[in-house]
Amino acid sequence: MTAVRPEREGGGESGELADAVRRLDDPLSDPLPGQHPSPWFRAAQEEPQADPQRPEPEPEWYDPDGYATDWYGGAQRPSEPAPAPAPAPAPGRSAPAPAPAAPPAPAPAPAPTPEPAFIPVRDDETVALRTADTRRAAEPEPPVVTGGRAERRKAAKRGGRRHAGAPTAEDEPATDGRPLSRVEARRAAKAAKPGAGVIASRAIGEVFITLGVLMLLFVTYQLWWSNIRAHNLAGSARDHLEDDWANGKRKPGTFEPGQGFAILYIPKLDVVVPIAEGISKTKVLDKGMVGHYGKDSIPTAMPDAKTGNFSLAGHRNTHGEPFRYINRLEPGDPIVVETQDKYYVYKMSSRLNQTSPSNTAVIDPVPAGSGFTKPGRYITLTTCTPEFTSTYRMIVWGKMVEERPRSKGKPDALVE
């Protein structure tokens, strides 16, 4: 027969002592209910027993926290499980005699609690951002209209121009939300009006712009349109002159100012232009023709004269510009004058590049500066220089070398 173990002998006394101490737990006598003043009985408190009939819940097949814990770093799970309390000894058994109480160890410092991570508000429908709802949220709310009918009308206009641009000053309401009074409206309208300086600067700017446009039109007329018009007029005058010669209506003799009587040819420059009596700008020169110094200016000889200086004038620039390139003529270049009966052929002899407009000696019967020393049958061409100015005159002289009736045909200078 097995002997009784020594630890079981005192088991009944220990159980009775524990029951007696448990009954002394009275809220009227115990200053701290639920806690024994003696450390001998603190470990003897039993832990609540789990219900053996209730099964433990099975783990879920999905993560109840969802992607929030994984992606956003939300609720963090504890890395270490909490320590379970020591199991209480079974009733009816005597606990071993406790050792002398040791001084309590200092409590560990509490671990810092981690701050919860930011968890964004989820959308009930989808993870993607709703662009339409975002735009609606970003748009400002329309202002509350508190004024009368005019104020509501202005607010409606501003709402229609929300995306077109900022409202004008006249449509903006008062800063305090009330409509402008008559005095305030008059002051605002007066402040919106430009001052005298602004009006003057605008007027001056418009004047300068108008003058610039007019000058541009004038230059266009002088350099382009005047040439077109003069060529048409000169061509028409030449055609009428040739028709009259063919019909026998024109006779050599005295001609009226502005009346055409001959045709000038400069083959090297490809110039064919009618010659009219006089040097009037409006009647002769501006119509694209070449003028003969006649009765209205300084009389000079006609081509059929036995001796004399047949002198002509023409524009160098604008209005047909028949003499624009006479500075390119060289000694020996032919100059031909055609009349109703004859051809008069001259050879270029010399040129004076610049002289005063008052120097009329260049068209004398024996022109000064030409190199001629005795009377003869000469021709003189005069024009303005430099180009596009009338400051000086350019002179070209020639001497007659052939007189040919028209019945014998054109001279060699025109045939080549």
Protein backbone atom coordinates (compact mmCIF):
# COMPACT_ATOMS: atom_id res chain seq x y z
CA MET A 1 0.00 0.00 0.00
CA THR A 2 1.40 3.32 -1.12
CA ALA A 3 2.26 5.79 1.58
CA VAL A 4 0.53 9.11 1.65
CA ARG A 5 2.60 11.98 0.20
CA PRO A 6 3.48 14.71 2.65
CA GLU A 7 2.07 17.53 0.45
CA ARG A 8 -1.41 15.99 0.50
CA GLU A 9 -1.61 15.83 4.26
CA GLY A 10 -2.08 19.54 4.75
CA GLY A 11 -4.34 20.04 1.74
CA GLY A 12 -7.56 20.19 3.75
CA GLU A 13 -6.31 22.84 6.09
CA SER A 14 -5.11 25.05 3.28
CA GLY A 15 -8.49 24.87 1.50
CA GLU A 16 -10.41 25.75 4.63
CA LEU A 17 -8.11 28.67 5.30
CA ALA A 18 -8.60 30.01 1.77
CA ASP A 19 -12.41 29.79 2.11
CA ALA A 20 -12.31 31.66 5.38
CA VAL A 21 -10.21 34.44 3.92
CA ARG A 22 -12.50 34.68 0.84
CA ARG A 23 -15.53 35.16 3.09
CA LEU A 24 -13.84 38.11 4.77
CA ASP A 25 -14.04 40.07 1.45
CA ASP A 26 -16.70 42.49 2.62
CA PRO A 27 -17.06 45.91 1.00
CA LEU A 28 -17.80 47.46 4.38
CA SER A 29 -14.64 46.16 6.00
CA ASP A 30 -12.34 45.92 2.99
CA PRO A 31 -11.15 49.39 1.87
CA LEU A 32 -10.32 48.14 -1.63
CA PRO A 33 -12.82 45.52 -2.76
CA GLY A 34 -11.44 42.84 -5.00
CA GLN A 35 -7.90 43.24 -3.71
CA HIS A 36 -6.46 41.42 -0.73
CA PRO A 37 -4.24 43.45 1.49
CA SER A 38 -1.94 40.52 1.95
CA PRO A 39 0.21 39.41 -0.95
CA TRP A 40 -0.20 35.82 0.19
CA PHE A 41 -3.64 35.48 -1.32
CA ARG A 42 -3.34 37.52 -4.53
CA ALA A 43 -2.10 34.62 -6.57
CA ALA A 44 -4.82 32.38 -5.20
CA GLN A 45 -7.62 34.24 -7.05
CA GLU A 46 -9.09 32.10 -9.68
CA GLU A 47 -9.31 33.21 -13.26
CA PRO A 48 -12.75 33.11 -14.79
CA GLN A 49 -13.29 29.71 -16.31
CA ALA A 50 -14.05 29.48 -19.99
CA ASP A 51 -17.36 28.03 -20.95
CA PRO A 52 -16.66 24.48 -22.15
CA GLN A 53 -19.99 24.41 -24.01
CA ARG A 54 -19.20 27.46 -26.25
CA PRO A 55 -16.90 26.60 -29.15
CA GLU A 56 -14.17 28.95 -30.21
CA PRO A 57 -14.97 31.02 -33.32
CA GLU A 58 -13.39 29.82 -36.50
CA PRO A 59 -10.98 32.19 -38.27
CA GLU A 60 -12.43 34.14 -41.17
CA TRP A 61 -11.38 33.13 -44.71
CA TYR A 62 -10.88 36.78 -45.65
CA ASP A 63 -9.08 39.67 -43.99
CA PRO A 64 -11.80 41.71 -42.22
CA ASP A 65 -9.58 44.79 -42.20
CA GLY A 66 -9.24 44.68 -45.98
CA TYR A 67 -6.59 46.57 -47.87
CA ALA A 68 -6.61 49.32 -45.25
CA THR A 69 -4.26 47.47 -42.95
CA ASP A 70 -1.99 46.29 -45.75
CA TRP A 71 -1.83 49.40 -48.00
CA TYR A 72 -2.64 52.36 -45.83
CA GLY A 73 -0.92 50.95 -42.74
CA GLY A 74 -4.01 51.32 -40.58
CA ALA A 75 -4.67 49.44 -37.40
CA GLN A 76 -1.44 47.68 -36.49
CA ARG A 77 -1.64 44.29 -34.89
CA PRO A 78 0.35 43.65 -31.74
CA SER A 79 3.61 41.98 -32.49
CA GLU A 80 3.65 39.97 -29.23
CA PRO A 81 0.67 38.37 -27.46
CA ALA A 82 -0.19 39.55 -23.99
CA PRO A 83 1.17 37.22 -21.27
CA ALA A 84 -1.49 34.91 -19.85
CA PRO A 85 -1.98 34.93 -16.11
CA ALA A 86 -0.61 32.00 -14.14
CA PRO A 87 -3.22 29.28 -13.61
CA ALA A 88 -4.60 29.00 -10.10
CA PRO A 89 -4.03 25.73 -8.24
CA ALA A 90 -6.83 23.28 -8.28
CA PRO A 91 -9.08 23.36 -5.22
CA GLY A 92 -8.50 20.72 -2.66
CA ARG A 93 -4.78 20.77 -3.04
CA SER A 94 -2.48 22.48 -0.65
CA ALA A 95 -0.13 25.02 -2.17
CA PRO A 96 3.48 24.92 -1.15
CA ALA A 97 4.53 27.27 1.56
CA PRO A 98 5.41 30.60 0.04
CA ALA A 99 8.91 31.86 0.26
CA PRO A 100 9.68 35.07 2.09
CA ALA A 101 8.44 38.05 0.08
CA ALA A 102 11.06 39.60 -2.12
CA PRO A 103 11.14 43.32 -2.71
CA PRO A 104 8.92 44.15 -5.74
CA ALA A 105 10.77 44.79 -8.98
CA PRO A 106 10.39 48.23 -10.52
CA ALA A 107 7.57 48.38 -13.06
CA PRO A 108 8.74 48.63 -16.67
CA ALA A 109 8.22 51.93 -18.48
CA PRO A 110 5.13 51.91 -20.67
CA ALA A 111 5.89 51.47 -24.37
CA PRO A 112 5.04 54.48 -26.54
CA THR A 113 1.72 54.07 -28.25
CA PRO A 114 2.13 54.37 -32.07
CA GLU A 115 0.06 57.08 -33.71
CA PRO A 116 -2.60 55.65 -36.01
CA ALA A 117 -1.81 56.07 -39.69
CA PHE A 118 -3.96 58.25 -41.91
CA ILE A 119 -6.89 56.27 -43.29
CA PRO A 120 -8.54 57.98 -46.31
CA VAL A 121 -12.27 58.03 -46.65
CA ARG A 122 -13.35 55.22 -48.90
CA ASP A 123 -15.78 55.56 -51.74
CA ASP A 124 -18.77 53.29 -51.50
CA GLU A 125 -18.77 52.57 -55.24
CA THR A 126 -15.19 52.44 -56.53
CA VAL A 127 -11.60 53.11 -55.59
CA ALA A 128 -11.11 55.46 -58.58
CA LEU A 129 -11.61 59.18 -58.12
CA ARG A 130 -14.89 60.59 -59.35
CA THR A 131 -13.84 63.42 -61.64
CA ALA A 132 -17.35 64.77 -62.05
CA ASP A 133 -17.94 65.01 -58.33
CA THR A 134 -14.51 66.61 -57.90
CA ARG A 135 -15.32 69.30 -60.44
CA ARG A 136 -18.62 70.01 -58.78
CA ALA A 137 -16.91 70.27 -55.42
CA ALA A 138 -14.24 72.62 -56.84
CA GLU A 139 -16.74 74.98 -58.43
CA PRO A 140 -17.67 77.89 -56.21
CA GLU A 141 -21.19 78.15 -55.05
CA PRO A 142 -23.23 80.85 -56.81
CA PRO A 143 -23.62 83.97 -54.72
CA VAL A 144 -26.83 84.42 -52.88
CA VAL A 145 -28.79 87.25 -54.45
CA THR A 146 -30.37 89.47 -51.87
CA GLY A 147 -31.23 92.55 -53.95
CA GLY A 148 -34.12 93.35 -56.21
CA ARG A 149 -34.86 92.45 -59.82
CA ALA A 150 -31.92 94.40 -61.24
CA GLU A 151 -29.52 92.64 -58.85
CA ARG A 152 -30.90 89.22 -59.79
CA ARG A 153 -30.51 90.10 -63.47
CA LYS A 154 -26.86 91.07 -62.95
CA ALA A 155 -26.25 87.87 -60.99
CA ALA A 156 -27.74 85.84 -63.85
CA LYS A 157 -25.45 87.60 -66.35
CA ARG A 158 -22.42 86.91 -64.18
CA GLY A 159 -23.39 83.27 -63.91
CA GLY A 160 -23.57 83.01 -67.71
CA ARG A 161 -20.09 84.53 -68.08
CA ARG A 162 -18.45 82.43 -65.36
CA HIS A 163 -16.20 80.61 -67.83
CA ALA A 164 -15.98 83.41 -70.41
CA GLY A 165 -14.04 85.85 -68.25
CA ALA A 166 -14.16 88.11 -65.26
CA PRO A 167 -17.23 90.33 -64.95
CA THR A 168 -16.90 93.97 -65.81
CA ALA A 169 -16.84 96.72 -63.24
CA GLU A 170 -20.39 97.80 -64.02
CA ASP A 171 -21.74 94.31 -63.28
CA GLU A 172 -20.01 93.86 -59.92
CA PRO A 173 -22.28 94.47 -56.92
CA ALA A 174 -21.38 96.39 -53.84
CA THR A 175 -18.83 94.81 -51.54
CA ASP A 176 -21.38 94.33 -48.78
CA GLY A 177 -23.81 92.42 -51.03
CA ARG A 178 -26.32 95.25 -51.48
CA PRO A 179 -27.02 97.04 -54.79
CA LEU A 180 -25.42 100.41 -55.49
CA SER A 181 -27.38 103.52 -54.75
CA ARG A 182 -27.84 106.25 -57.34
CA VAL A 183 -25.05 108.36 -55.92
CA GLU A 184 -22.69 105.40 -55.81
CA ALA A 185 -23.67 104.36 -59.32
CA ARG A 186 -22.99 107.89 -60.62
CA ARG A 187 -19.62 107.96 -58.90
CA ALA A 188 -18.71 104.54 -60.32
CA ALA A 189 -19.76 105.60 -63.82
CA LYS A 190 -17.78 108.83 -63.54
CA ALA A 191 -14.71 106.93 -62.33
CA ALA A 192 -15.02 104.51 -65.25
CA LYS A 193 -14.93 107.34 -67.81
CA PRO A 194 -11.46 108.09 -69.25
CA GLY A 195 -9.80 111.33 -68.27
CA ALA A 196 -8.87 114.25 -70.49
CA GLY A 197 -5.28 113.01 -70.86
CA VAL A 198 -6.42 109.59 -72.03
CA ILE A 199 -8.84 111.11 -74.53
CA ALA A 200 -6.15 113.46 -75.86
CA SER A 201 -3.61 110.65 -76.24
CA ARG A 202 -6.16 108.54 -78.07
CA ALA A 203 -6.99 111.39 -80.43
CA ILE A 204 -3.31 112.05 -81.16
CA GLY A 205 -2.72 108.36 -81.78
CA GLU A 206 -5.64 108.21 -84.21
CA VAL A 207 -4.32 111.27 -86.04
CA PHE A 208 -0.87 109.73 -86.44
CA ILE A 209 -2.34 106.44 -87.62
CA THR A 210 -4.49 108.27 -90.17
CA LEU A 211 -1.51 110.28 -91.42
CA GLY A 212 0.56 107.12 -91.73
CA VAL A 213 -2.15 105.41 -93.76
CA LEU A 214 -2.50 108.47 -96.02
CA MET A 215 1.25 108.65 -96.58
CA LEU A 216 1.35 104.97 -97.44
CA LEU A 217 -1.47 105.45 -99.93
CA PHE A 218 0.30 108.46 -101.46
CA VAL A 219 3.56 106.55 -101.92
CA THR A 220 1.65 103.67 -103.47
CA TYR A 221 -0.04 106.09 -105.85
CA GLN A 222 3.21 107.82 -106.84
CA LEU A 223 5.32 104.72 -107.34
CA TRP A 224 2.77 102.36 -108.79
CA TRP A 225 -0.57 103.79 -109.83
CA SER A 226 0.78 106.97 -111.44
CA ASN A 227 2.97 104.89 -113.75
CA ILE A 228 0.09 102.66 -114.78
CA ARG A 229 -2.14 105.66 -115.47
CA ALA A 230 0.59 107.55 -117.38
CA HIS A 231 1.43 104.54 -119.55
CA ASN A 232 -2.22 104.18 -120.49
CA LEU A 233 -2.56 107.88 -121.35
CA ALA A 234 0.70 107.96 -123.33
CA GLY A 235 -0.25 104.83 -125.23
CA SER A 236 -3.64 106.26 -126.08
CA ALA A 237 -2.06 109.55 -127.29
CA ARG A 238 0.38 107.65 -129.49
CA ASP A 239 -2.39 105.59 -131.06
CA HIS A 240 -4.43 108.73 -131.84
CA LEU A 241 -1.37 110.41 -133.33
CA GLU A 242 -0.59 107.48 -135.64
CA ASP A 243 -4.25 107.30 -136.70
CA ASP A 244 -4.22 110.99 -137.60
CA TRP A 245 -1.03 110.53 -139.62
CA ALA A 246 -2.56 107.63 -141.46
CA ASN A 247 -5.69 109.65 -142.25
CA GLY A 248 -3.76 112.79 -143.23
CA LYS A 249 -5.33 115.00 -140.55
CA ARG A 250 -2.07 116.32 -139.06
CA LYS A 251 0.13 118.76 -140.94
CA PRO A 252 3.61 119.94 -139.93
CA GLY A 253 3.56 123.40 -138.49
CA THR A 254 2.65 125.11 -135.25
CA PHE A 255 1.09 123.02 -132.47
CA GLU A 256 -1.02 123.99 -129.49
CA PRO A 257 0.24 123.36 -125.90
CA GLY A 258 -0.42 119.76 -124.95
CA GLN A 259 -0.89 118.69 -128.58
CA GLY A 260 1.16 115.68 -129.69
CA PHE A 261 3.14 116.00 -132.91
CA ALA A 262 6.01 113.41 -132.81
CA ILE A 263 7.21 110.13 -131.29
CA LEU A 264 10.55 109.65 -129.50
CA TYR A 265 12.48 106.34 -129.68
CA ILE A 266 15.46 105.40 -127.51
CA PRO A 267 16.20 101.79 -128.59
CA LYS A 268 18.81 101.08 -125.91
CA LEU A 269 16.35 101.93 -123.12
CA ASP A 270 13.30 100.47 -124.91
CA VAL A 271 11.55 103.84 -124.73
CA VAL A 272 8.71 104.75 -127.12
CA VAL A 273 6.84 107.88 -126.00
CA PRO A 274 4.84 110.63 -127.75
CA ILE A 275 6.15 114.21 -127.85
CA ALA A 276 3.72 117.03 -127.09
CA GLU A 277 4.07 120.78 -127.30
CA GLY A 278 4.99 122.48 -123.99
CA ILE A 279 6.34 121.26 -120.68
CA SER A 280 3.20 121.62 -118.57
CA LYS A 281 3.05 119.01 -115.83
CA THR A 282 -0.70 118.55 -115.85
CA LYS A 283 -1.18 118.64 -119.63
CA VAL A 284 1.98 116.86 -120.79
CA LEU A 285 4.50 115.48 -118.32
CA ASP A 286 2.12 113.89 -115.78
CA LYS A 287 0.36 112.12 -118.66
CA GLY A 288 3.51 110.15 -119.43
CA MET A 289 4.53 112.19 -122.50
CA VAL A 290 7.72 114.11 -123.28
CA GLY A 291 7.37 117.91 -123.57
CA HIS A 292 9.01 120.21 -126.10
CA TYR A 293 10.35 123.55 -124.86
CA GLY A 294 8.06 125.78 -126.91
CA LYS A 295 6.26 129.10 -126.75
CA ASP A 296 5.06 128.74 -123.13
CA SER A 297 8.63 128.37 -121.75
CA ILE A 298 11.91 128.83 -123.62
CA PRO A 299 11.41 128.47 -127.36
CA THR A 300 13.66 125.92 -129.01
CA ALA A 301 13.96 124.64 -132.55
CA MET A 302 11.83 121.95 -134.17
CA PRO A 303 13.43 118.82 -135.66
CA ASP A 304 12.95 120.04 -139.26
CA ALA A 305 14.81 123.36 -138.61
CA LYS A 306 18.06 123.88 -140.54
CA THR A 307 19.91 124.76 -137.35
CA GLY A 308 18.90 124.77 -133.72
CA ASN A 309 18.58 122.73 -130.54
CA PHE A 310 15.50 120.47 -130.29
CA SER A 311 15.10 120.33 -126.47
CA LEU A 312 12.82 117.92 -124.57
CA ALA A 313 11.87 117.38 -120.89
CA GLY A 314 10.46 114.31 -119.18
CA HIS A 315 9.97 112.68 -115.76
CA ARG A 316 12.70 110.47 -114.36
CA ASN A 317 10.50 108.92 -111.68
CA THR A 318 6.73 108.36 -111.50
CA HIS A 319 4.15 109.30 -114.14
CA GLY A 320 5.54 106.91 -116.72
CA GLU A 321 9.20 107.87 -115.98
CA PRO A 322 10.33 107.89 -119.66
CA PHE A 323 13.77 109.41 -118.83
CA ARG A 324 14.56 107.28 -115.78
CA TYR A 325 17.61 105.55 -117.29
CA ILE A 326 19.04 108.19 -119.62
CA ASN A 327 22.14 108.16 -117.42
CA ARG A 328 22.93 104.79 -119.07
CA LEU A 329 23.31 106.27 -122.54
CA GLU A 330 26.79 106.24 -123.99
CA PRO A 331 28.25 108.26 -126.86
CA GLY A 332 27.05 106.84 -130.17
CA ASP A 333 23.73 105.45 -128.88
CA PRO A 334 20.89 106.35 -131.30
CA ILE A 335 17.99 108.67 -130.44
CA VAL A 336 15.21 108.77 -133.09
CA VAL A 337 12.38 111.30 -133.54
CA GLU A 338 9.48 110.34 -135.83
CA THR A 339 7.15 112.96 -137.32
CA GLN A 340 4.35 112.71 -139.86
CA ASP A 341 6.78 112.91 -142.81
CA LYS A 342 10.28 111.96 -141.64
CA TYR A 343 12.58 110.15 -139.23
CA TYR A 344 15.34 112.20 -137.56
CA VAL A 345 18.24 110.13 -136.22
CA TYR A 346 20.61 111.59 -133.58
CA LYS A 347 23.71 110.12 -131.98
CA MET A 348 24.33 110.70 -128.27
CA SER A 349 27.48 112.81 -127.82
CA SER A 350 27.84 113.94 -124.16
CA ARG A 351 26.13 114.11 -120.77
CA LEU A 352 26.04 116.56 -117.86
CA ASN A 353 25.22 114.58 -114.71
CA GLN A 354 24.13 117.53 -112.55
CA THR A 355 23.33 121.19 -112.98
CA SER A 356 21.04 123.82 -111.51
CA PRO A 357 17.41 123.98 -112.70
CA SER A 358 17.98 127.67 -113.51
CA ASN A 359 20.80 126.88 -115.96
CA THR A 360 18.93 127.50 -119.20
CA ALA A 361 22.12 127.79 -121.22
CA VAL A 362 22.09 124.02 -121.68
CA ILE A 363 19.21 124.38 -124.19
CA ASP A 364 20.65 127.29 -126.18
CA PRO A 365 21.06 126.88 -129.95
CA VAL A 366 24.70 126.07 -129.20
CA PRO A 367 24.29 124.47 -125.73
CA ALA A 368 26.83 125.41 -123.08
CA GLY A 369 28.83 122.50 -121.72
CA SER A 370 27.93 120.17 -124.56
CA GLY A 371 31.21 120.49 -126.40
CA PHE A 372 29.59 121.93 -129.50
CA THR A 373 31.26 125.07 -130.80
CA LYS A 374 29.12 126.12 -133.76
CA PRO A 375 25.46 126.04 -134.73
CA GLY A 376 24.06 122.74 -135.87
CA ARG A 377 21.10 120.38 -135.55
CA TYR A 378 21.19 119.20 -131.98
CA ILE A 379 18.90 117.44 -129.47
CA THR A 380 18.83 117.95 -125.68
CA LEU A 381 17.13 115.69 -123.09
CA THR A 382 16.56 117.14 -119.59
CA THR A 383 15.28 115.41 -116.44
CA CYS A 384 15.46 115.61 -112.64
CA THR A 385 18.27 114.20 -110.52
CA PRO A 386 18.89 112.51 -108.07
CA GLU A 387 16.06 110.03 -108.43
CA PHE A 388 12.82 110.83 -106.61
CA THR A 389 13.93 114.45 -106.17
CA SER A 390 13.90 117.62 -108.28
CA THR A 391 16.92 119.33 -106.77
CA TYR A 392 19.10 119.27 -109.89
CA ARG A 393 18.88 118.53 -113.60
CA MET A 394 20.62 115.91 -115.72
CA ILE A 395 21.37 116.82 -119.35
CA VAL A 396 22.05 114.55 -122.35
CA TRP A 397 23.06 115.99 -125.76
CA GLY A 398 23.03 114.49 -129.23
CA LYS A 399 23.77 115.48 -132.81
CA MET A 400 21.67 114.72 -135.90
CA VAL A 401 23.28 112.20 -138.25
CA GLU A 402 20.38 111.19 -140.55
CA GLU A 403 17.10 112.59 -141.90
CA ARG A 404 14.99 109.87 -143.54
CA PRO A 405 11.56 110.22 -145.17
CA ARG A 406 8.93 107.87 -143.82
CA SER A 407 8.19 106.70 -147.34
CA LYS A 408 11.60 104.96 -147.38
CA GLY A 409 10.80 102.97 -144.23
CA LYS A 410 12.30 102.93 -140.79
CA PRO A 411 15.97 103.81 -140.22
CA ASP A 412 18.48 101.15 -139.29
CA ALA A 413 18.44 102.24 -135.61
CA LEU A 414 14.81 101.07 -135.36
CA VAL A 415 15.17 97.98 -137.52
CA GLU A 416 18.02 96.38 -135.60
